[in-house]
N, C-alpha and C. Protein backbone atom coordinates (compact mmCIF):
# COMPACT_ATOMS: atom_id res chain seq x y z
N MET A 1 39.92 64.02 115.20
CA MET A 1 40.96 63.04 114.95
C MET A 1 41.45 62.50 116.28
N SER A 2 41.77 61.24 116.30
CA SER A 2 42.18 60.59 117.54
C SER A 2 43.68 60.35 117.57
N ASN A 3 44.24 60.40 118.75
CA ASN A 3 45.62 59.99 118.95
C ASN A 3 45.67 58.64 119.64
N SER A 4 44.55 57.98 119.76
CA SER A 4 44.46 56.71 120.45
C SER A 4 44.76 55.57 119.49
N PHE A 5 46.00 55.10 119.49
CA PHE A 5 46.39 53.98 118.64
C PHE A 5 46.17 52.67 119.38
N PHE A 6 45.91 51.64 118.62
CA PHE A 6 45.84 50.30 119.17
C PHE A 6 46.64 49.41 118.23
N GLU A 7 47.44 48.50 118.79
CA GLU A 7 48.23 47.63 117.93
C GLU A 7 48.49 46.29 118.59
N TYR A 8 48.78 45.31 117.76
CA TYR A 8 49.19 43.99 118.21
C TYR A 8 49.98 43.35 117.08
N GLU A 9 50.66 42.25 117.39
CA GLU A 9 51.49 41.56 116.40
C GLU A 9 50.95 40.17 116.10
N ILE A 10 51.24 39.72 114.88
CA ILE A 10 51.00 38.33 114.51
C ILE A 10 52.24 37.81 113.79
N ARG A 11 52.33 36.51 113.67
CA ARG A 11 53.34 35.88 112.82
C ARG A 11 52.60 35.25 111.65
N VAL A 12 53.13 35.44 110.43
CA VAL A 12 52.50 34.89 109.24
C VAL A 12 52.61 33.37 109.27
N LEU A 13 51.46 32.72 109.14
CA LEU A 13 51.34 31.26 109.18
C LEU A 13 51.05 30.71 107.78
N PRO A 14 51.23 29.43 107.56
CA PRO A 14 50.96 28.85 106.23
C PRO A 14 49.54 29.13 105.73
N GLU A 15 48.56 29.16 106.62
CA GLU A 15 47.18 29.41 106.18
C GLU A 15 46.94 30.84 105.70
N HIS A 16 47.87 31.75 105.93
CA HIS A 16 47.75 33.13 105.45
C HIS A 16 48.20 33.30 104.00
N LEU A 17 48.89 32.28 103.47
CA LEU A 17 49.54 32.41 102.16
C LEU A 17 48.63 32.02 101.01
N ASP A 18 48.90 32.64 99.85
CA ASP A 18 48.21 32.26 98.61
C ASP A 18 49.15 31.44 97.75
N GLU A 19 48.77 31.16 96.51
CA GLU A 19 49.58 30.32 95.64
C GLU A 19 50.92 30.95 95.26
N MET A 20 51.06 32.25 95.48
CA MET A 20 52.34 32.93 95.20
C MET A 20 53.25 32.94 96.44
N GLN A 21 52.78 32.31 97.52
CA GLN A 21 53.53 32.18 98.77
C GLN A 21 53.76 33.50 99.50
N HIS A 22 52.84 34.44 99.30
CA HIS A 22 52.82 35.63 100.16
C HIS A 22 51.42 35.79 100.72
N VAL A 23 51.28 36.67 101.71
CA VAL A 23 49.99 36.82 102.40
C VAL A 23 48.93 37.26 101.40
N ASN A 24 47.80 36.55 101.41
CA ASN A 24 46.68 36.84 100.52
C ASN A 24 46.00 38.13 100.94
N ASN A 25 45.53 38.91 99.96
CA ASN A 25 44.89 40.19 100.27
C ASN A 25 43.64 40.04 101.13
N VAL A 26 42.95 38.92 101.03
CA VAL A 26 41.76 38.70 101.87
C VAL A 26 42.15 38.60 103.34
N VAL A 27 43.34 38.09 103.62
CA VAL A 27 43.83 38.01 105.00
C VAL A 27 43.98 39.41 105.58
N TYR A 28 44.48 40.34 104.77
CA TYR A 28 44.64 41.72 105.27
C TYR A 28 43.30 42.34 105.64
N VAL A 29 42.27 42.09 104.85
CA VAL A 29 40.94 42.61 105.19
C VAL A 29 40.47 42.02 106.51
N GLY A 30 40.70 40.74 106.72
CA GLY A 30 40.36 40.11 107.99
C GLY A 30 41.12 40.72 109.15
N LEU A 31 42.41 41.01 108.95
CA LEU A 31 43.21 41.63 110.01
C LEU A 31 42.72 43.04 110.31
N MET A 32 42.27 43.77 109.27
CA MET A 32 41.72 45.11 109.49
C MET A 32 40.47 45.04 110.37
N GLN A 33 39.62 44.09 110.10
CA GLN A 33 38.41 43.93 110.91
C GLN A 33 38.78 43.49 112.32
N ASP A 34 39.72 42.56 112.43
CA ASP A 34 40.14 42.05 113.73
C ASP A 34 40.71 43.16 114.61
N VAL A 35 41.59 43.99 114.06
CA VAL A 35 42.20 45.05 114.87
C VAL A 35 41.16 46.10 115.26
N ALA A 36 40.20 46.38 114.38
CA ALA A 36 39.13 47.32 114.73
C ALA A 36 38.32 46.78 115.91
N ASN A 37 37.98 45.49 115.85
CA ASN A 37 37.22 44.88 116.96
C ASN A 37 38.02 44.86 118.25
N LYS A 38 39.30 44.51 118.15
CA LYS A 38 40.15 44.47 119.35
C LYS A 38 40.28 45.87 119.96
N HIS A 39 40.41 46.88 119.11
CA HIS A 39 40.50 48.27 119.59
C HIS A 39 39.22 48.65 120.33
N TRP A 40 38.09 48.37 119.71
CA TRP A 40 36.79 48.67 120.32
C TRP A 40 36.65 47.96 121.65
N ASP A 41 37.02 46.67 121.69
CA ASP A 41 36.86 45.85 122.90
C ASP A 41 37.89 46.18 123.98
N SER A 42 38.94 46.93 123.64
CA SER A 42 40.01 47.23 124.61
C SER A 42 39.59 48.25 125.66
N ILE A 43 38.48 48.93 125.42
CA ILE A 43 37.98 49.95 126.34
C ILE A 43 36.71 49.42 126.99
N PRO A 44 36.63 49.47 128.32
CA PRO A 44 35.44 48.90 129.00
C PRO A 44 34.14 49.45 128.42
N PRO A 45 33.20 48.56 128.14
CA PRO A 45 31.94 48.99 127.52
C PRO A 45 31.03 49.75 128.49
N THR A 46 30.17 50.54 127.91
CA THR A 46 29.14 51.23 128.68
C THR A 46 27.80 50.58 128.31
N GLU A 47 26.75 50.98 128.98
CA GLU A 47 25.41 50.45 128.67
C GLU A 47 25.04 50.73 127.22
N LEU A 48 25.46 51.88 126.70
CA LEU A 48 25.13 52.27 125.34
C LEU A 48 25.63 51.25 124.32
N GLU A 49 26.81 50.69 124.58
CA GLU A 49 27.40 49.75 123.63
C GLU A 49 26.61 48.47 123.46
N LYS A 50 25.76 48.14 124.40
CA LYS A 50 24.91 46.96 124.27
C LYS A 50 23.82 47.18 123.20
N GLU A 51 23.63 48.44 122.83
CA GLU A 51 22.57 48.79 121.89
C GLU A 51 23.06 49.01 120.46
N ILE A 52 24.37 48.94 120.25
CA ILE A 52 24.91 49.30 118.92
C ILE A 52 25.83 48.23 118.37
N LEU A 53 26.06 48.33 117.06
CA LEU A 53 27.08 47.53 116.40
C LEU A 53 27.62 48.35 115.23
N TRP A 54 28.76 47.91 114.73
CA TRP A 54 29.44 48.64 113.65
C TRP A 54 29.51 47.76 112.40
N VAL A 55 29.30 48.36 111.24
CA VAL A 55 29.45 47.67 109.96
C VAL A 55 30.31 48.53 109.04
N VAL A 56 31.00 47.88 108.13
CA VAL A 56 31.85 48.60 107.18
C VAL A 56 31.04 49.03 105.97
N ARG A 57 31.19 50.29 105.60
CA ARG A 57 30.58 50.81 104.37
C ARG A 57 31.58 50.77 103.23
N ARG A 58 32.85 51.00 103.56
CA ARG A 58 33.85 51.13 102.49
C ARG A 58 35.25 50.86 103.03
N HIS A 59 36.07 50.17 102.22
CA HIS A 59 37.49 49.99 102.49
C HIS A 59 38.28 50.59 101.34
N GLU A 60 39.34 51.30 101.64
CA GLU A 60 40.35 51.71 100.66
C GLU A 60 41.67 51.15 101.16
N ILE A 61 42.32 50.32 100.35
CA ILE A 61 43.54 49.65 100.78
C ILE A 61 44.64 49.89 99.75
N ASP A 62 45.79 50.34 100.22
CA ASP A 62 46.98 50.42 99.39
C ASP A 62 47.88 49.28 99.78
N TYR A 63 48.18 48.42 98.82
CA TYR A 63 49.09 47.30 99.04
C TYR A 63 50.48 47.77 98.65
N LEU A 64 51.38 47.91 99.62
CA LEU A 64 52.66 48.56 99.39
C LEU A 64 53.83 47.58 99.28
N ASN A 65 53.79 46.49 100.03
CA ASN A 65 54.83 45.47 100.02
C ASN A 65 54.18 44.13 100.31
N GLN A 66 54.96 43.07 100.21
CA GLN A 66 54.43 41.74 100.47
C GLN A 66 54.97 41.20 101.79
N ALA A 67 54.21 40.32 102.39
CA ALA A 67 54.64 39.63 103.62
C ALA A 67 54.67 38.14 103.32
N PHE A 68 55.60 37.44 104.00
CA PHE A 68 55.86 36.04 103.71
C PHE A 68 55.82 35.20 104.98
N LEU A 69 55.81 33.90 104.79
CA LEU A 69 55.77 32.95 105.89
C LEU A 69 56.82 33.29 106.94
N GLY A 70 56.38 33.33 108.19
CA GLY A 70 57.27 33.60 109.31
C GLY A 70 57.46 35.06 109.65
N ASP A 71 57.08 35.98 108.76
CA ASP A 71 57.22 37.41 109.06
C ASP A 71 56.39 37.76 110.29
N ARG A 72 56.93 38.62 111.14
CA ARG A 72 56.15 39.22 112.23
C ARG A 72 55.57 40.51 111.69
N LEU A 73 54.25 40.67 111.87
CA LEU A 73 53.56 41.86 111.39
C LEU A 73 52.94 42.60 112.55
N LEU A 74 53.11 43.91 112.53
CA LEU A 74 52.47 44.80 113.50
C LEU A 74 51.23 45.36 112.83
N ILE A 75 50.08 45.13 113.44
CA ILE A 75 48.82 45.65 112.93
C ILE A 75 48.42 46.80 113.84
N ARG A 76 48.24 48.00 113.25
CA ARG A 76 47.97 49.21 114.02
C ARG A 76 46.72 49.90 113.47
N THR A 77 45.88 50.42 114.37
CA THR A 77 44.68 51.15 113.95
C THR A 77 44.48 52.38 114.81
N TRP A 78 43.73 53.33 114.27
CA TRP A 78 43.32 54.53 114.99
C TRP A 78 42.12 55.12 114.27
N THR A 79 41.34 55.90 115.00
CA THR A 79 40.15 56.51 114.43
C THR A 79 40.48 57.89 113.89
N GLY A 80 39.66 58.33 112.95
CA GLY A 80 39.85 59.63 112.32
C GLY A 80 38.58 60.45 112.36
N GLU A 81 38.29 61.08 111.24
CA GLU A 81 37.13 61.96 111.15
C GLU A 81 35.83 61.16 111.29
N HIS A 82 34.78 61.88 111.67
CA HIS A 82 33.48 61.22 111.80
C HIS A 82 32.39 62.14 111.29
N SER A 83 31.25 61.53 110.97
CA SER A 83 30.05 62.28 110.62
C SER A 83 28.99 61.92 111.65
N THR A 84 27.76 62.16 111.34
CA THR A 84 26.68 61.86 112.27
C THR A 84 26.58 60.37 112.58
N VAL A 85 26.75 59.52 111.56
CA VAL A 85 26.58 58.07 111.76
C VAL A 85 27.79 57.25 111.32
N SER A 86 28.82 57.87 110.75
CA SER A 86 29.97 57.09 110.28
C SER A 86 31.27 57.62 110.87
N TRP A 87 32.26 56.74 110.87
CA TRP A 87 33.55 57.07 111.47
C TRP A 87 34.64 56.45 110.61
N ILE A 88 35.65 57.24 110.30
CA ILE A 88 36.81 56.76 109.55
C ILE A 88 37.75 56.02 110.51
N ARG A 89 38.22 54.86 110.06
CA ARG A 89 39.22 54.11 110.83
C ARG A 89 40.39 53.84 109.90
N HIS A 90 41.58 54.16 110.38
CA HIS A 90 42.81 53.93 109.64
C HIS A 90 43.48 52.66 110.15
N CYS A 91 44.22 52.02 109.27
CA CYS A 91 44.95 50.82 109.65
C CYS A 91 46.23 50.77 108.84
N GLU A 92 47.29 50.29 109.46
CA GLU A 92 48.49 49.98 108.71
C GLU A 92 49.07 48.69 109.27
N ILE A 93 49.70 47.96 108.38
CA ILE A 93 50.37 46.73 108.76
C ILE A 93 51.83 46.89 108.35
N VAL A 94 52.71 46.66 109.31
CA VAL A 94 54.14 46.89 109.13
C VAL A 94 54.89 45.59 109.43
N ARG A 95 55.87 45.26 108.57
CA ARG A 95 56.74 44.12 108.86
C ARG A 95 57.74 44.57 109.92
N VAL A 96 57.78 43.86 111.04
CA VAL A 96 58.59 44.26 112.19
C VAL A 96 60.09 44.28 111.84
N ALA A 97 60.57 43.28 111.10
CA ALA A 97 62.00 43.13 110.86
C ALA A 97 62.64 44.33 110.18
N ASP A 98 61.94 44.91 109.18
CA ASP A 98 62.54 46.03 108.44
C ASP A 98 61.69 47.30 108.46
N GLN A 99 60.59 47.26 109.22
CA GLN A 99 59.69 48.41 109.36
C GLN A 99 59.04 48.86 108.04
N LYS A 100 59.00 47.96 107.05
CA LYS A 100 58.32 48.29 105.79
C LYS A 100 56.82 48.18 105.98
N ARG A 101 56.11 49.21 105.48
CA ARG A 101 54.66 49.16 105.51
C ARG A 101 54.17 48.18 104.45
N ILE A 102 53.34 47.26 104.87
CA ILE A 102 52.79 46.25 103.96
C ILE A 102 51.49 46.77 103.34
N ILE A 103 50.60 47.27 104.19
CA ILE A 103 49.38 47.92 103.69
C ILE A 103 49.12 49.19 104.49
N SER A 104 48.36 50.06 103.87
CA SER A 104 47.82 51.24 104.52
C SER A 104 46.36 51.30 104.08
N SER A 105 45.45 51.51 105.04
CA SER A 105 44.04 51.50 104.66
C SER A 105 43.24 52.54 105.42
N LYS A 106 42.10 52.84 104.83
CA LYS A 106 41.13 53.74 105.46
C LYS A 106 39.77 53.10 105.21
N SER A 107 38.99 52.94 106.28
CA SER A 107 37.66 52.33 106.17
C SER A 107 36.62 53.27 106.77
N VAL A 108 35.44 53.20 106.21
CA VAL A 108 34.30 53.94 106.75
C VAL A 108 33.42 52.94 107.47
N TRP A 109 33.23 53.14 108.77
CA TRP A 109 32.39 52.29 109.60
C TRP A 109 31.12 53.07 109.95
N VAL A 110 29.99 52.38 109.93
CA VAL A 110 28.70 52.98 110.26
C VAL A 110 28.17 52.34 111.52
N MET A 111 27.69 53.17 112.44
CA MET A 111 27.11 52.67 113.68
C MET A 111 25.63 52.38 113.46
N LEU A 112 25.22 51.16 113.85
CA LEU A 112 23.82 50.74 113.72
C LEU A 112 23.20 50.50 115.08
N ASP A 113 21.91 50.71 115.15
CA ASP A 113 21.12 50.35 116.31
C ASP A 113 20.83 48.86 116.23
N LYS A 114 21.21 48.09 117.25
CA LYS A 114 21.00 46.63 117.21
C LYS A 114 19.53 46.26 117.08
N ALA A 115 18.65 47.00 117.71
CA ALA A 115 17.23 46.66 117.71
C ALA A 115 16.59 46.87 116.34
N THR A 116 16.98 47.94 115.65
CA THR A 116 16.33 48.26 114.38
C THR A 116 17.16 47.91 113.15
N GLY A 117 18.48 47.78 113.34
CA GLY A 117 19.36 47.54 112.20
C GLY A 117 19.59 48.77 111.35
N ARG A 118 19.16 49.91 111.83
CA ARG A 118 19.28 51.18 111.08
C ARG A 118 20.44 52.01 111.64
N PRO A 119 20.99 52.91 110.81
CA PRO A 119 22.05 53.80 111.30
C PRO A 119 21.59 54.59 112.51
N ARG A 120 22.53 54.83 113.39
CA ARG A 120 22.24 55.55 114.63
C ARG A 120 23.28 56.65 114.81
N ARG A 121 22.82 57.77 115.35
CA ARG A 121 23.72 58.91 115.58
C ARG A 121 24.84 58.50 116.54
N ILE A 122 26.06 58.91 116.20
CA ILE A 122 27.21 58.64 117.07
C ILE A 122 27.22 59.70 118.17
N GLU A 123 26.96 59.27 119.37
CA GLU A 123 26.87 60.19 120.49
C GLU A 123 28.26 60.53 121.03
N GLU A 124 28.32 61.64 121.73
CA GLU A 124 29.58 62.12 122.29
C GLU A 124 30.26 61.09 123.19
N ALA A 125 29.46 60.31 123.91
CA ALA A 125 30.02 59.28 124.79
C ALA A 125 30.83 58.25 123.99
N ILE A 126 30.36 57.94 122.80
CA ILE A 126 31.08 56.99 121.93
C ILE A 126 32.35 57.64 121.41
N LEU A 127 32.25 58.87 120.94
CA LEU A 127 33.42 59.59 120.41
C LEU A 127 34.51 59.73 121.46
N ASN A 128 34.11 59.96 122.69
CA ASN A 128 35.08 60.18 123.77
C ASN A 128 35.89 58.92 124.11
N ARG A 129 35.40 57.77 123.70
CA ARG A 129 36.14 56.52 123.96
C ARG A 129 37.53 56.54 123.36
N PHE A 130 37.69 57.20 122.25
CA PHE A 130 38.95 57.13 121.50
C PHE A 130 39.69 58.45 121.42
N LYS A 131 39.39 59.37 122.32
CA LYS A 131 40.11 60.66 122.34
C LYS A 131 41.25 60.61 123.31
């Protein structure tokens, strides 16, 4: 399990809203992917990273509250348990004004070899990035 959190804020814009005038659930999935990529990119790459990429196998999302136009949202992620080729990534989105959690999620990411497109063993060097 990692204690390495990564977070950033956004402000809800009109393009984030659905017909009910709150943030559309598809936007949250995009933010989950965005924060995972930003977290990964926040640590200087090694030669190994040129050979790999990550894909999502599964998302579990709990929608706890709604967010509306103009809300400031804190998007936070951290890594969790891992197997030979997959790694759990947690995410939560919190409304800054009242600290209410908007979503809580857990995703399973699989590491692939760029050359073959097949799953690749997660080496210790990769795991150490987020410890």
